[in-house]
Structures are given as C-alpha cells and as structure tokens.
Amino acid sequence: MRDRTDEVYENGFTDHVLVCTNARDSEYAACADAHGDAVLEAARSWLKKRGVFWSRVHVAETSCLGLCSADGTAVAVHPRGRWFSDVVPEDVPDLLATVFGPDASDLGRSPEDMEVPPR
C-alpha cells in the first residue's frame, strides 16, 4: 500500500464528484435507469468548460451510493460531505454552481472550513 495523499494535493486536486451509474436487475430503482450516464456527462462537461476537470476536480462513476430513486441519480461531492439524490442532467449546472461557485473557483475547501449543510 502507498499513501499518495501528499502527491495528490501537490498536483492540485481538491475535490471529488461521485456520480452513481449503478444498474441492477431488480424491482427497485437504480441510477442507471434514472439518467446516471447523462448526469455523469453533464458533470464532466460543466467542469471542463471551467477548466478544472481532472486538474482540480476529479469525477468518478460509482456503484450504489445508497440514495436510490427512480426520479434521478445520486451524486456526492467530497471532501465537502454533500449528498444529492433525484439529480437529472438539467440539475447539474445549478448543483455544481452551488457547490463550487458559478465559475468553479470555490475549490479546495476542507470540511472544517465549511458550514454544515442544513438537515
């Protein structure tokens, strides 16, 4: 095992957007059937347009995040500890602008620097 934390931060990485694209053969909802791939592409596109995709913000396609819904996809943003469900592609610009700022300049905030989201 190699701890590469310092290397990642030295390279400028600050945030991680996780988008569920989980599919399952079941009677229960799964993000693959609720626009998962389109939400993933919308997140990548929004970040690319702001010049921070893979330089400061990494986007990862994930399996189940535990927020399943037939109405949209689950998205988590870390290290901010923000969790979203029912996300459709049209929601992505507002969601990411809220989290990172409209020009994606609000990056690299540690959980200690942020307000806890209302519950």
PDB file of N, CA and C in Angstrom:
ATOM      1  N   MET A   1       0.853  -1.181   0.000  1.00  0.00           N
ATOM      2  CA  MET A   1       0.000   0.000   0.000  1.00  0.00           C
ATOM      3  C   MET A   1       0.892   1.235   0.000  1.00  0.00           C
ATOM      4  N   ARG A   2       0.469   2.235  -0.816  1.00  0.00           N
ATOM      5  CA  ARG A   2       1.184   3.522  -0.860  1.00  0.00           C
ATOM      6  C   ARG A   2       0.219   4.624  -0.476  1.00  0.00           C
ATOM      7  N   ASP A   3       0.574   5.436   0.461  1.00  0.00           N
ATOM      8  CA  ASP A   3      -0.200   6.629   0.805  1.00  0.00           C
ATOM      9  C   ASP A   3       0.246   7.744  -0.129  1.00  0.00           C
ATOM     10  N   ARG A   4      -0.645   8.163  -1.014  1.00  0.00           N
ATOM     11  CA  ARG A   4      -0.306   9.168  -2.021  1.00  0.00           C
ATOM     12  C   ARG A   4      -1.030  10.481  -1.777  1.00  0.00           C
ATOM     13  N   THR A   5      -1.501  10.696  -0.563  1.00  0.00           N
ATOM     14  CA  THR A   5      -2.263  11.897  -0.227  1.00  0.00           C
ATOM     15  C   THR A   5      -1.489  13.157  -0.569  1.00  0.00           C
ATOM     16  N   ASP A   6      -0.261  13.263  -0.099  1.00  0.00           N
ATOM     17  CA  ASP A   6       0.528  14.471  -0.354  1.00  0.00           C
ATOM     18  C   ASP A   6       0.706  14.713  -1.849  1.00  0.00           C
ATOM     19  N   GLU A   7       0.982  13.660  -2.594  1.00  0.00           N
ATOM     20  CA  GLU A   7       1.173  13.778  -4.041  1.00  0.00           C
ATOM     21  C   GLU A   7      -0.083  14.306  -4.732  1.00  0.00           C
ATOM     22  N   VAL A   8      -1.231  13.789  -4.334  1.00  0.00           N
ATOM     23  CA  VAL A   8      -2.494  14.219  -4.940  1.00  0.00           C
ATOM     24  C   VAL A   8      -2.715  15.708  -4.695  1.00  0.00           C
ATOM     25  N   TYR A   9      -2.534  16.130  -3.457  1.00  0.00           N
ATOM     26  CA  TYR A   9      -2.735  17.546  -3.140  1.00  0.00           C
ATOM     27  C   TYR A   9      -1.687  18.429  -3.809  1.00  0.00           C
ATOM     28  N   GLU A  10      -0.445  17.973  -3.884  1.00  0.00           N
ATOM     29  CA  GLU A  10       0.602  18.744  -4.550  1.00  0.00           C
ATOM     30  C   GLU A  10       0.303  18.931  -6.032  1.00  0.00           C
ATOM     31  N   ASN A  11      -0.387  17.976  -6.639  1.00  0.00           N
ATOM     32  CA  ASN A  11      -0.760  18.086  -8.050  1.00  0.00           C
ATOM     33  C   ASN A  11      -1.973  18.980  -8.268  1.00  0.00           C
ATOM     34  N   GLY A  12      -2.560  19.518  -7.201  1.00  0.00           N
ATOM     35  CA  GLY A  12      -3.649  20.474  -7.337  1.00  0.00           C
ATOM     36  C   GLY A  12      -5.044  19.933  -7.134  1.00  0.00           C
ATOM     37  N   PHE A  13      -5.186  18.626  -6.940  1.00  0.00           N
ATOM     38  CA  PHE A  13      -6.503  18.033  -6.727  1.00  0.00           C
ATOM     39  C   PHE A  13      -7.127  18.572  -5.455  1.00  0.00           C
ATOM     40  N   THR A  14      -8.408  18.929  -5.535  1.00  0.00           N
ATOM     41  CA  THR A  14      -9.074  19.465  -4.352  1.00  0.00           C
ATOM     42  C   THR A  14     -10.396  18.796  -4.039  1.00  0.00           C
ATOM     43  N   ASP A  15     -11.130  18.365  -5.039  1.00  0.00           N
ATOM     44  CA  ASP A  15     -12.491  17.892  -4.825  1.00  0.00           C
ATOM     45  C   ASP A  15     -12.783  16.672  -5.691  1.00  0.00           C
ATOM     46  N   HIS A  16     -13.809  15.929  -5.281  1.00  0.00           N
ATOM     47  CA  HIS A  16     -14.198  14.709  -5.986  1.00  0.00           C
ATOM     48  C   HIS A  16     -15.718  14.695  -6.124  1.00  0.00           C
ATOM     49  N   VAL A  17     -16.204  14.555  -7.346  1.00  0.00           N
ATOM     50  CA  VAL A  17     -17.639  14.423  -7.612  1.00  0.00           C
ATOM     51  C   VAL A  17     -17.891  12.956  -7.953  1.00  0.00           C
ATOM     52  N   LEU A  18     -18.746  12.318  -7.176  1.00  0.00           N
ATOM     53  CA  LEU A  18     -19.084  10.914  -7.384  1.00  0.00           C
ATOM     54  C   LEU A  18     -20.494  10.834  -7.949  1.00  0.00           C
ATOM     55  N   VAL A  19     -20.648  10.169  -9.078  1.00  0.00           N
ATOM     56  CA  VAL A  19     -21.946  10.045  -9.733  1.00  0.00           C
ATOM     57  C   VAL A  19     -22.286   8.570  -9.859  1.00  0.00           C
ATOM     58  N   CYS A  20     -23.408   8.169  -9.288  1.00  0.00           N
ATOM     59  CA  CYS A  20     -23.827   6.773  -9.359  1.00  0.00           C
ATOM     60  C   CYS A  20     -24.393   6.456 -10.739  1.00  0.00           C
ATOM     61  N   THR A  21     -23.907   5.364 -11.298  1.00  0.00           N
ATOM     62  CA  THR A  21     -24.453   4.839 -12.556  1.00  0.00           C
ATOM     63  C   THR A  21     -24.800   3.371 -12.382  1.00  0.00           C
ATOM     64  N   ASN A  22     -25.072   2.987 -11.159  1.00  0.00           N
ATOM     65  CA  ASN A  22     -25.339   1.595 -10.826  1.00  0.00           C
ATOM     66  C   ASN A  22     -26.581   1.063 -11.544  1.00  0.00           C
ATOM     67  N   ALA A  23     -26.432  -0.130 -12.087  1.00  0.00           N
ATOM     68  CA  ALA A  23     -27.560  -0.836 -12.715  1.00  0.00           C
ATOM     69  C   ALA A  23     -27.785  -2.133 -11.952  1.00  0.00           C
ATOM     70  N   ARG A  24     -29.018  -2.529 -11.858  1.00  0.00           N
ATOM     71  CA  ARG A  24     -29.306  -3.815 -11.230  1.00  0.00           C
ATOM     72  C   ARG A  24     -30.591  -4.375 -11.811  1.00  0.00           C
ATOM     73  N   ASP A  25     -30.652  -5.670 -11.850  1.00  0.00           N
ATOM     74  CA  ASP A  25     -31.839  -6.363 -12.319  1.00  0.00           C
ATOM     75  C   ASP A  25     -32.707  -6.611 -11.092  1.00  0.00           C
ATOM     76  N   SER A  26     -33.599  -5.680 -10.839  1.00  0.00           N
ATOM     77  CA  SER A  26     -34.384  -5.722  -9.613  1.00  0.00           C
ATOM     78  C   SER A  26     -35.649  -4.907  -9.787  1.00  0.00           C
ATOM     79  N   GLU A  27     -36.561  -5.091  -8.882  1.00  0.00           N
ATOM     80  CA  GLU A  27     -37.772  -4.272  -8.889  1.00  0.00           C
ATOM     81  C   GLU A  27     -37.516  -2.885  -8.318  1.00  0.00           C
ATOM     82  N   TYR A  28     -36.344  -2.672  -7.716  1.00  0.00           N
ATOM     83  CA  TYR A  28     -36.021  -1.410  -7.075  1.00  0.00           C
ATOM     84  C   TYR A  28     -35.304  -0.476  -8.042  1.00  0.00           C
ATOM     85  N   ALA A  29     -35.449   0.809  -7.807  1.00  0.00           N
ATOM     86  CA  ALA A  29     -34.841   1.827  -8.659  1.00  0.00           C
ATOM     87  C   ALA A  29     -33.322   1.741  -8.611  1.00  0.00           C
ATOM     88  N   ALA A  30     -32.703   2.118  -9.712  1.00  0.00           N
ATOM     89  CA  ALA A  30     -31.243   2.196  -9.800  1.00  0.00           C
ATOM     90  C   ALA A  30     -30.884   3.400 -10.661  1.00  0.00           C
ATOM     91  N   CYS A  31     -29.763   4.011 -10.355  1.00  0.00           N
ATOM     92  CA  CYS A  31     -29.375   5.254 -11.031  1.00  0.00           C
ATOM     93  C   CYS A  31     -29.132   5.089 -12.525  1.00  0.00           C
ATOM     94  N   ALA A  32     -28.718   3.912 -12.967  1.00  0.00           N
ATOM     95  CA  ALA A  32     -28.501   3.705 -14.401  1.00  0.00           C
ATOM     96  C   ALA A  32     -29.779   3.966 -15.182  1.00  0.00           C
ATOM     97  N   ASP A  33     -30.906   3.623 -14.602  1.00  0.00           N
ATOM     98  CA  ASP A  33     -32.196   3.837 -15.260  1.00  0.00           C
ATOM     99  C   ASP A  33     -32.770   5.215 -14.975  1.00  0.00           C
ATOM    100  N   ALA A  34     -32.069   6.011 -14.172  1.00  0.00           N
ATOM    101  CA  ALA A  34     -32.559   7.339 -13.783  1.00  0.00           C
ATOM    102  C   ALA A  34     -31.575   8.418 -14.234  1.00  0.00           C
ATOM    103  N   HIS A  35     -31.079   8.293 -15.463  1.00  0.00           N
ATOM    104  CA  HIS A  35     -30.218   9.294 -16.096  1.00  0.00           C
ATOM    105  C   HIS A  35     -28.781   9.297 -15.592  1.00  0.00           C
ATOM    106  N   GLY A  36     -28.309   8.213 -14.981  1.00  0.00           N
ATOM    107  CA  GLY A  36     -26.963   8.179 -14.422  1.00  0.00           C
ATOM    108  C   GLY A  36     -25.876   8.578 -15.401  1.00  0.00           C
ATOM    109  N   ASP A  37     -25.860   7.991 -16.588  1.00  0.00           N
ATOM    110  CA  ASP A  37     -24.819   8.315 -17.567  1.00  0.00           C
ATOM    111  C   ASP A  37     -24.900   9.761 -18.027  1.00  0.00           C
ATOM    112  N   ALA A  38     -26.108  10.285 -18.200  1.00  0.00           N
ATOM    113  CA  ALA A  38     -26.270  11.667 -18.652  1.00  0.00           C
ATOM    114  C   ALA A  38     -25.858  12.657 -17.557  1.00  0.00           C
ATOM    115  N   VAL A  39     -26.128  12.331 -16.304  1.00  0.00           N
ATOM    116  CA  VAL A  39     -25.691  13.188 -15.192  1.00  0.00           C
ATOM    117  C   VAL A  39     -24.167  13.179 -15.113  1.00  0.00           C
ATOM    118  N   LEU A  40     -23.559  12.018 -15.270  1.00  0.00           N
ATOM    119  CA  LEU A  40     -22.100  11.906 -15.274  1.00  0.00           C
ATOM    120  C   LEU A  40     -21.497  12.783 -16.366  1.00  0.00           C
ATOM    121  N   GLU A  41     -22.030  12.700 -17.574  1.00  0.00           N
ATOM    122  CA  GLU A  41     -21.508  13.502 -18.684  1.00  0.00           C
ATOM    123  C   GLU A  41     -21.759  14.994 -18.458  1.00  0.00           C
ATOM    124  N   ALA A  42     -22.893  15.354 -17.888  1.00  0.00           N
ATOM    125  CA  ALA A  42     -23.185  16.768 -17.606  1.00  0.00           C
ATOM    126  C   ALA A  42     -22.199  17.331 -16.587  1.00  0.00           C
ATOM    127  N   ALA A  43     -21.841  16.543 -15.580  1.00  0.00           N
ATOM    128  CA  ALA A  43     -20.864  16.997 -14.583  1.00  0.00           C
ATOM    129  C   ALA A  43     -19.497  17.183 -15.233  1.00  0.00           C
ATOM    130  N   ARG A  44     -19.071  16.236 -16.023  1.00  0.00           N
ATOM    131  CA  ARG A  44     -17.783  16.349 -16.716  1.00  0.00           C
ATOM    132  C   ARG A  44     -17.758  17.581 -17.609  1.00  0.00           C
ATOM    133  N   SER A  45     -18.821  17.788 -18.367  1.00  0.00           N
ATOM    134  CA  SER A  45     -18.894  18.914 -19.289  1.00  0.00           C
ATOM    135  C   SER A  45     -18.835  20.250 -18.550  1.00  0.00           C
ATOM    136  N   TRP A  46     -19.594  20.380 -17.468  1.00  0.00           N
ATOM    137  CA  TRP A  46     -19.620  21.629 -16.688  1.00  0.00           C
ATOM    138  C   TRP A  46     -18.227  21.956 -16.161  1.00  0.00           C
ATOM    139  N   LEU A  47     -17.541  20.952 -15.647  1.00  0.00           N
ATOM    140  CA  LEU A  47     -16.202  21.166 -15.093  1.00  0.00           C
ATOM    141  C   LEU A  47     -15.176  21.443 -16.192  1.00  0.00           C
ATOM    142  N   LYS A  48     -15.296  20.758 -17.334  1.00  0.00           N
ATOM    143  CA  LYS A  48     -14.381  21.009 -18.454  1.00  0.00           C
ATOM    144  C   LYS A  48     -14.496  22.440 -18.940  1.00  0.00           C
ATOM    145  N   LYS A  49     -15.720  22.957 -19.041  1.00  0.00           N
ATOM    146  CA  LYS A  49     -15.942  24.327 -19.510  1.00  0.00           C
ATOM    147  C   LYS A  49     -15.306  25.357 -18.584  1.00  0.00           C
ATOM    148  N   ARG A  50     -15.056  24.986 -17.339  1.00  0.00           N
ATOM    149  CA  ARG A  50     -14.459  25.888 -16.365  1.00  0.00           C
ATOM    150  C   ARG A  50     -12.981  25.581 -16.132  1.00  0.00           C
ATOM    151  N   GLY A  51     -12.459  24.627 -16.882  1.00  0.00           N
ATOM    152  CA  GLY A  51     -11.030  24.323 -16.841  1.00  0.00           C
ATOM    153  C   GLY A  51     -10.540  23.650 -15.575  1.00  0.00           C
ATOM    154  N   VAL A  52     -11.418  22.953 -14.849  1.00  0.00           N
ATOM    155  CA  VAL A  52     -10.982  22.309 -13.608  1.00  0.00           C
ATOM    156  C   VAL A  52     -11.139  20.785 -13.619  1.00  0.00           C
ATOM    157  N   PHE A  53     -11.689  20.243 -14.697  1.00  0.00           N
ATOM    158  CA  PHE A  53     -11.882  18.795 -14.789  1.00  0.00           C
ATOM    159  C   PHE A  53     -10.540  18.086 -14.861  1.00  0.00           C
ATOM    160  N   TRP A  54     -10.298  17.159 -13.972  1.00  0.00           N
ATOM    161  CA  TRP A  54      -9.088  16.357 -13.814  1.00  0.00           C
ATOM    162  C   TRP A  54      -7.862  17.169 -13.427  1.00  0.00           C
ATOM    163  N   SER A  55      -7.970  18.481 -13.331  1.00  0.00           N
ATOM    164  CA  SER A  55      -6.837  19.230 -12.811  1.00  0.00           C
ATOM    165  C   SER A  55      -7.068  19.511 -11.332  1.00  0.00           C
ATOM    166  N   ARG A  56      -8.250  19.977 -10.996  1.00  0.00           N
ATOM    167  CA  ARG A  56      -8.577  20.256  -9.597  1.00  0.00           C
ATOM    168  C   ARG A  56      -9.700  19.359  -9.091  1.00  0.00           C
ATOM    169  N   VAL A  57     -10.620  19.007  -9.975  1.00  0.00           N
ATOM    170  CA  VAL A  57     -11.787  18.223  -9.575  1.00  0.00           C
ATOM    171  C   VAL A  57     -11.803  16.916 -10.373  1.00  0.00           C
ATOM    172  N   HIS A  58     -11.854  15.828  -9.657  1.00  0.00           N
ATOM    173  CA  HIS A  58     -11.974  14.521 -10.300  1.00  0.00           C
ATOM    174  C   HIS A  58     -13.439  14.092 -10.253  1.00  0.00           C
ATOM    175  N   VAL A  59     -13.896  13.456 -11.311  1.00  0.00           N
ATOM    176  CA  VAL A  59     -15.251  12.933 -11.380  1.00  0.00           C
ATOM    177  C   VAL A  59     -15.141  11.427 -11.505  1.00  0.00           C
ATOM    178  N   ALA A  60     -15.886  10.732 -10.668  1.00  0.00           N
ATOM    179  CA  ALA A  60     -15.836   9.267 -10.703  1.00  0.00           C
ATOM    180  C   ALA A  60     -17.232   8.692 -10.841  1.00  0.00           C
ATOM    181  N   GLU A  61     -17.332   7.728 -11.716  1.00  0.00           N
ATOM    182  CA  GLU A  61     -18.545   6.936 -11.868  1.00  0.00           C
ATOM    183  C   GLU A  61     -18.517   5.890 -10.764  1.00  0.00           C
ATOM    184  N   THR A  62     -19.594   5.797 -10.001  1.00  0.00           N
ATOM    185  CA  THR A  62     -19.600   4.872  -8.877  1.00  0.00           C
ATOM    186  C   THR A  62     -20.735   3.869  -8.975  1.00  0.00           C
ATOM    187  N   SER A  63     -20.643   2.886  -8.131  1.00  0.00           N
ATOM    188  CA  SER A  63     -21.743   1.974  -7.893  1.00  0.00           C
ATOM    189  C   SER A  63     -22.678   2.661  -6.905  1.00  0.00           C
ATOM    190  N   CYS A  64     -23.521   1.918  -6.264  1.00  0.00           N
ATOM    191  CA  CYS A  64     -24.578   2.483  -5.427  1.00  0.00           C
ATOM    192  C   CYS A  64     -24.055   3.377  -4.311  1.00  0.00           C
ATOM    193  N   LEU A  65     -24.634   4.565  -4.215  1.00  0.00           N
ATOM    194  CA  LEU A  65     -24.337   5.496  -3.127  1.00  0.00           C
ATOM    195  C   LEU A  65     -25.395   5.428  -2.028  1.00  0.00           C
ATOM    196  N   GLY A  66     -26.393   4.569  -2.212  1.00  0.00           N
ATOM    197  CA  GLY A  66     -27.406   4.370  -1.186  1.00  0.00           C
ATOM    198  C   GLY A  66     -28.525   5.386  -1.185  1.00  0.00           C
ATOM    199  N   LEU A  67     -28.668   6.156  -2.260  1.00  0.00           N
ATOM    200  CA  LEU A  67     -29.732   7.157  -2.352  1.00  0.00           C
ATOM    201  C   LEU A  67     -30.595   6.886  -3.575  1.00  0.00           C
ATOM    202  N   CYS A  68     -30.936   5.647  -3.789  1.00  0.00           N
ATOM    203  CA  CYS A  68     -31.640   5.209  -4.990  1.00  0.00           C
ATOM    204  C   CYS A  68     -33.001   5.875  -5.150  1.00  0.00           C
ATOM    205  N   SER A  69     -33.317   6.202  -6.401  1.00  0.00           N
ATOM    206  CA  SER A  69     -34.599   6.798  -6.723  1.00  0.00           C
ATOM    207  C   SER A  69     -34.864   6.614  -8.204  1.00  0.00           C
ATOM    208  N   ALA A  70     -36.105   6.425  -8.553  1.00  0.00           N
ATOM    209  CA  ALA A  70     -36.476   6.349  -9.964  1.00  0.00           C
ATOM    210  C   ALA A  70     -36.516   7.737 -10.576  1.00  0.00           C
ATOM    211  N   ASP A  71     -36.465   8.779  -9.733  1.00  0.00           N
ATOM    212  CA  ASP A  71     -36.600  10.160 -10.202  1.00  0.00           C
ATOM    213  C   ASP A  71     -35.293  10.812 -10.595  1.00  0.00           C
ATOM    214  N   GLY A  72     -34.160  10.172 -10.362  1.00  0.00           N
ATOM    215  CA  GLY A  72     -32.883  10.765 -10.723  1.00  0.00           C
ATOM    216  C   GLY A  72     -31.733  10.028 -10.073  1.00  0.00           C
ATOM    217  N   THR A  73     -30.557  10.544 -10.317  1.00  0.00           N
ATOM    218  CA  THR A  73     -29.302   9.922  -9.934  1.00  0.00           C
ATOM    219  C   THR A  73     -28.796  10.451  -8.597  1.00  0.00           C
ATOM    220  N   ALA A  74     -27.996   9.650  -7.909  1.00  0.00           N
ATOM    221  CA  ALA A  74     -27.330  10.069  -6.674  1.00  0.00           C
ATOM    222  C   ALA A  74     -25.966  10.658  -7.011  1.00  0.00           C
ATOM    223  N   VAL A  75     -25.622  11.768  -6.337  1.00  0.00           N
ATOM    224  CA  VAL A  75     -24.344  12.452  -6.525  1.00  0.00           C
ATOM    225  C   VAL A  75     -23.806  12.822  -5.151  1.00  0.00           C
ATOM    226  N   ALA A  76     -22.514  12.625  -4.949  1.00  0.00           N
ATOM    227  CA  ALA A  76     -21.856  13.046  -3.712  1.00  0.00           C
ATOM    228  C   ALA A  76     -20.639  13.887  -4.081  1.00  0.00           C
ATOM    229  N   VAL A  77     -20.359  14.908  -3.280  1.00  0.00           N
ATOM    230  CA  VAL A  77     -19.203  15.772  -3.507  1.00  0.00           C
ATOM    231  C   VAL A  77     -18.350  15.744  -2.244  1.00  0.00           C
ATOM    232  N   HIS A  78     -17.102  15.325  -2.417  1.00  0.00           N
ATOM    233  CA  HIS A  78     -16.195  15.207  -1.280  1.00  0.00           C
ATOM    234  C   HIS A  78     -14.913  15.971  -1.538  1.00  0.00           C
ATOM    235  N   PRO A  79     -14.248  16.501  -0.540  1.00  0.00           N
ATOM    236  CA  PRO A  79     -14.425  16.223   0.875  1.00  0.00           C
ATOM    237  C   PRO A  79     -15.504  17.068   1.547  1.00  0.00           C
ATOM    238  N   ARG A  80     -16.341  17.714   0.774  1.00  0.00           N
ATOM    239  CA  ARG A  80     -17.352  18.609   1.331  1.00  0.00           C
ATOM    240  C   ARG A  80     -18.471  17.903   2.079  1.00  0.00           C
ATOM    241  N   GLY A  81     -18.625  16.617   1.833  1.00  0.00           N
ATOM    242  CA  GLY A  81     -19.668  15.870   2.517  1.00  0.00           C
ATOM    243  C   GLY A  81     -21.064  16.265   2.074  1.00  0.00           C
ATOM    244  N   ARG A  82     -21.230  16.592   0.793  1.00  0.00           N
ATOM    245  CA  ARG A  82     -22.534  16.964   0.239  1.00  0.00           C
ATOM    246  C   ARG A  82     -23.100  15.777  -0.525  1.00  0.00           C
ATOM    247  N   TRP A  83     -24.369  15.485  -0.290  1.00  0.00           N
ATOM    248  CA  TRP A  83     -25.043  14.334  -0.894  1.00  0.00           C
ATOM    249  C   TRP A  83     -26.332  14.799  -1.541  1.00  0.00           C
ATOM    250  N   PHE A  84     -26.591  14.338  -2.771  1.00  0.00           N
ATOM    251  CA  PHE A  84     -27.771  14.744  -3.516  1.00  0.00           C
ATOM    252  C   PHE A  84     -28.441  13.499  -4.107  1.00  0.00           C
ATOM    253  N   SER A  85     -29.748  13.543  -4.224  1.00  0.00           N
ATOM    254  CA  SER A  85     -30.474  12.472  -4.902  1.00  0.00           C
ATOM    255  C   SER A  85     -31.437  13.105  -5.892  1.00  0.00           C
ATOM    256  N   ASP A  86     -32.032  12.278  -6.716  1.00  0.00           N
ATOM    257  CA  ASP A  86     -33.011  12.721  -7.711  1.00  0.00           C
ATOM    258  C   ASP A  86     -32.431  13.742  -8.683  1.00  0.00           C
ATOM    259  N   VAL A  87     -31.136  13.649  -8.968  1.00  0.00           N
ATOM    260  CA  VAL A  87     -30.471  14.587  -9.872  1.00  0.00           C
ATOM    261  C   VAL A  87     -30.709  14.148 -11.310  1.00  0.00           C
ATOM    262  N   VAL A  88     -31.194  15.078 -12.121  1.00  0.00           N
ATOM    263  CA  VAL A  88     -31.341  14.858 -13.557  1.00  0.00           C
ATOM    264  C   VAL A  88     -30.324  15.763 -14.257  1.00  0.00           C
ATOM    265  N   PRO A  89     -29.999  15.484 -15.515  1.00  0.00           N
ATOM    266  CA  PRO A  89     -28.957  16.260 -16.189  1.00  0.00           C
ATOM    267  C   PRO A  89     -29.172  17.778 -16.122  1.00  0.00           C
ATOM    268  N   GLU A  90     -30.404  18.210 -16.194  1.00  0.00           N
ATOM    269  CA  GLU A  90     -30.691  19.648 -16.165  1.00  0.00           C
ATOM    270  C   GLU A  90     -30.357  20.281 -14.818  1.00  0.00           C
ATOM    271  N   ASP A  91     -30.258  19.472 -13.759  1.00  0.00           N
ATOM    272  CA  ASP A  91     -29.934  19.973 -12.421  1.00  0.00           C
ATOM    273  C   ASP A  91     -28.444  20.227 -12.227  1.00  0.00           C
ATOM    274  N   VAL A  92     -27.616  19.583 -13.019  1.00  0.00           N
ATOM    275  CA  VAL A  92     -26.176  19.583 -12.776  1.00  0.00           C
ATOM    276  C   VAL A  92     -25.559  20.980 -12.756  1.00  0.00           C
ATOM    277  N   PRO A  93     -25.847  21.880 -13.708  1.00  0.00           N
ATOM    278  CA  PRO A  93     -25.225  23.202 -13.636  1.00  0.00           C
ATOM    279  C   PRO A  93     -25.530  23.940 -12.329  1.00  0.00           C
ATOM    280  N   ASP A  94     -26.767  23.937 -11.892  1.00  0.00           N
ATOM    281  CA  ASP A  94     -27.102  24.612 -10.637  1.00  0.00           C
ATOM    282  C   ASP A  94     -26.474  23.918  -9.443  1.00  0.00           C
ATOM    283  N   LEU A  95     -26.484  22.582  -9.438  1.00  0.00           N
ATOM    284  CA  LEU A  95     -25.893  21.833  -8.339  1.00  0.00           C
ATOM    285  C   LEU A  95     -24.410  22.163  -8.210  1.00  0.00           C
ATOM    286  N   LEU A  96     -23.658  22.071  -9.299  1.00  0.00           N
ATOM    287  CA  LEU A  96     -22.226  22.322  -9.231  1.00  0.00           C
ATOM    288  C   LEU A  96     -21.914  23.791  -8.979  1.00  0.00           C
ATOM    289  N   ALA A  97     -22.708  24.702  -9.515  1.00  0.00           N
ATOM    290  CA  ALA A  97     -22.505  26.124  -9.232  1.00  0.00           C
ATOM    291  C   ALA A  97     -22.740  26.422  -7.756  1.00  0.00           C
ATOM    292  N   THR A  98     -23.701  25.751  -7.158  1.00  0.00           N
ATOM    293  CA  THR A  98     -23.962  25.932  -5.733  1.00  0.00           C
ATOM    294  C   THR A  98     -22.795  25.412  -4.896  1.00  0.00           C
ATOM    295  N   VAL A  99     -22.242  24.286  -5.285  1.00  0.00           N
ATOM    296  CA  VAL A  99     -21.160  23.668  -4.517  1.00  0.00           C
ATOM    297  C   VAL A  99     -19.823  24.361  -4.756  1.00  0.00           C
ATOM    298  N   PHE A 100     -19.500  24.660  -6.020  1.00  0.00           N
ATOM    299  CA  PHE A 100     -18.173  25.170  -6.378  1.00  0.00           C
ATOM    300  C   PHE A 100     -18.142  26.643  -6.772  1.00  0.00           C
ATOM    301  N   GLY A 101     -19.287  27.295  -6.843  1.00  0.00           N
ATOM    302  CA  GLY A 101     -19.360  28.657  -7.362  1.00  0.00           C
ATOM    303  C   GLY A 101     -19.579  28.620  -8.856  1.00  0.00           C
ATOM    304  N   PRO A 102     -20.206  29.658  -9.432  1.00  0.00           N
ATOM    305  CA  PRO A 102     -20.553  29.648 -10.853  1.00  0.00           C
ATOM    306  C   PRO A 102     -19.365  29.449 -11.794  1.00  0.00           C
ATOM    307  N   ASP A 103     -18.189  29.920 -11.398  1.00  0.00           N
ATOM    308  CA  ASP A 103     -17.010  29.763 -12.244  1.00  0.00           C
ATOM    309  C   ASP A 103     -16.068  28.675 -11.721  1.00  0.00           C
ATOM    310  N   ALA A 104     -16.543  27.880 -10.782  1.00  0.00           N
ATOM    311  CA  ALA A 104     -15.771  26.783 -10.173  1.00  0.00           C
ATOM    312  C   ALA A 104     -14.495  27.283  -9.519  1.00  0.00           C
ATOM    313  N   SER A 105     -14.572  28.434  -8.884  1.00  0.00           N
ATOM    314  CA  SER A 105     -13.391  28.970  -8.203  1.00  0.00           C
ATOM    315  C   SER A 105     -13.384  28.680  -6.707  1.00  0.00           C
ATOM    316  N   ASP A 106     -14.474  28.159  -6.183  1.00  0.00           N
ATOM    317  CA  ASP A 106     -14.564  27.850  -4.756  1.00  0.00           C
ATOM    318  C   ASP A 106     -14.167  26.392  -4.540  1.00  0.00           C
ATOM    319  N   LEU A 107     -12.895  26.117  -4.723  1.00  0.00           N
ATOM    320  CA  LEU A 107     -12.372  24.759  -4.651  1.00  0.00           C
ATOM    321  C   LEU A 107     -11.425  24.621  -3.465  1.00  0.00           C
ATOM    322  N   GLY A 108     -11.207  23.375  -3.064  1.00  0.00           N
ATOM    323  CA  GLY A 108     -10.199  23.094  -2.063  1.00  0.00           C
ATOM    324  C   GLY A 108     -10.569  23.430  -0.644  1.00  0.00           C
ATOM    325  N   ARG A 109     -11.837  23.489  -0.363  1.00  0.00           N
ATOM    326  CA  ARG A 109     -12.257  23.783   0.997  1.00  0.00           C
ATOM    327  C   ARG A 109     -12.323  22.494   1.800  1.00  0.00           C
ATOM    328  N   SER A 110     -11.717  22.525   2.954  1.00  0.00           N
ATOM    329  CA  SER A 110     -11.771  21.339   3.809  1.00  0.00           C
ATOM    330  C   SER A 110     -13.104  21.317   4.537  1.00  0.00           C
ATOM    331  N   PRO A 111     -13.519  20.165   4.997  1.00  0.00           N
ATOM    332  CA  PRO A 111     -14.789  20.080   5.722  1.00  0.00           C
ATOM    333  C   PRO A 111     -14.839  21.023   6.923  1.00  0.00           C
ATOM    334  N   GLU A 112     -13.689  21.266   7.549  1.00  0.00           N
ATOM    335  CA  GLU A 112     -13.656  22.152   8.707  1.00  0.00           C
ATOM    336  C   GLU A 112     -13.943  23.609   8.329  1.00  0.00           C
ATOM    337  N   ASP A 113     -13.668  23.982   7.072  1.00  0.00           N
ATOM    338  CA  ASP A 113     -13.869  25.353   6.612  1.00  0.00           C
ATOM    339  C   ASP A 113     -15.285  25.637   6.148  1.00  0.00           C
ATOM    340  N   MET A 114     -16.115  24.618   6.094  1.00  0.00           N
ATOM    341  CA  MET A 114     -17.428  24.781   5.504  1.00  0.00           C
ATOM    342  C   MET A 114     -18.515  24.719   6.554  1.00  0.00           C
ATOM    343  N   GLU A 115     -19.613  25.379   6.218  1.00  0.00           N
ATOM    344  CA  GLU A 115     -20.790  25.261   7.062  1.00  0.00           C
ATOM    345  C   GLU A 115     -21.403  23.882   6.857  1.00  0.00           C
ATOM    346  N   VAL A 116     -21.938  23.348   7.909  1.00  0.00           N
ATOM    347  CA  VAL A 116     -22.621  22.066   7.800  1.00  0.00           C
ATOM    348  C   VAL A 116     -23.929  22.315   7.066  1.00  0.00           C
ATOM    349  N   PRO A 117     -24.232  21.547   6.023  1.00  0.00           N
ATOM    350  CA  PRO A 117     -25.493  21.755   5.301  1.00  0.00           C
ATOM    351  C   PRO A 117     -26.684  21.565   6.224  1.00  0.00           C
ATOM    352  N   PRO A 118     -27.751  22.338   6.005  1.00  0.00           N
ATOM    353  CA  PRO A 118     -28.953  22.158   6.835  1.00  0.00           C
ATOM    354  C   PRO A 118     -29.492  20.751   6.690  1.00  0.00           C
ATOM    355  N   ARG A 119     -30.000  20.233   7.773  1.00  0.00           N
ATOM    356  CA  ARG A 119     -30.564  18.876   7.746  1.00  0.00           C
ATOM    357  C   ARG A 119     -32.040  18.922   7.939  1.00  0.00           C
TER     358      ARG A 119
END
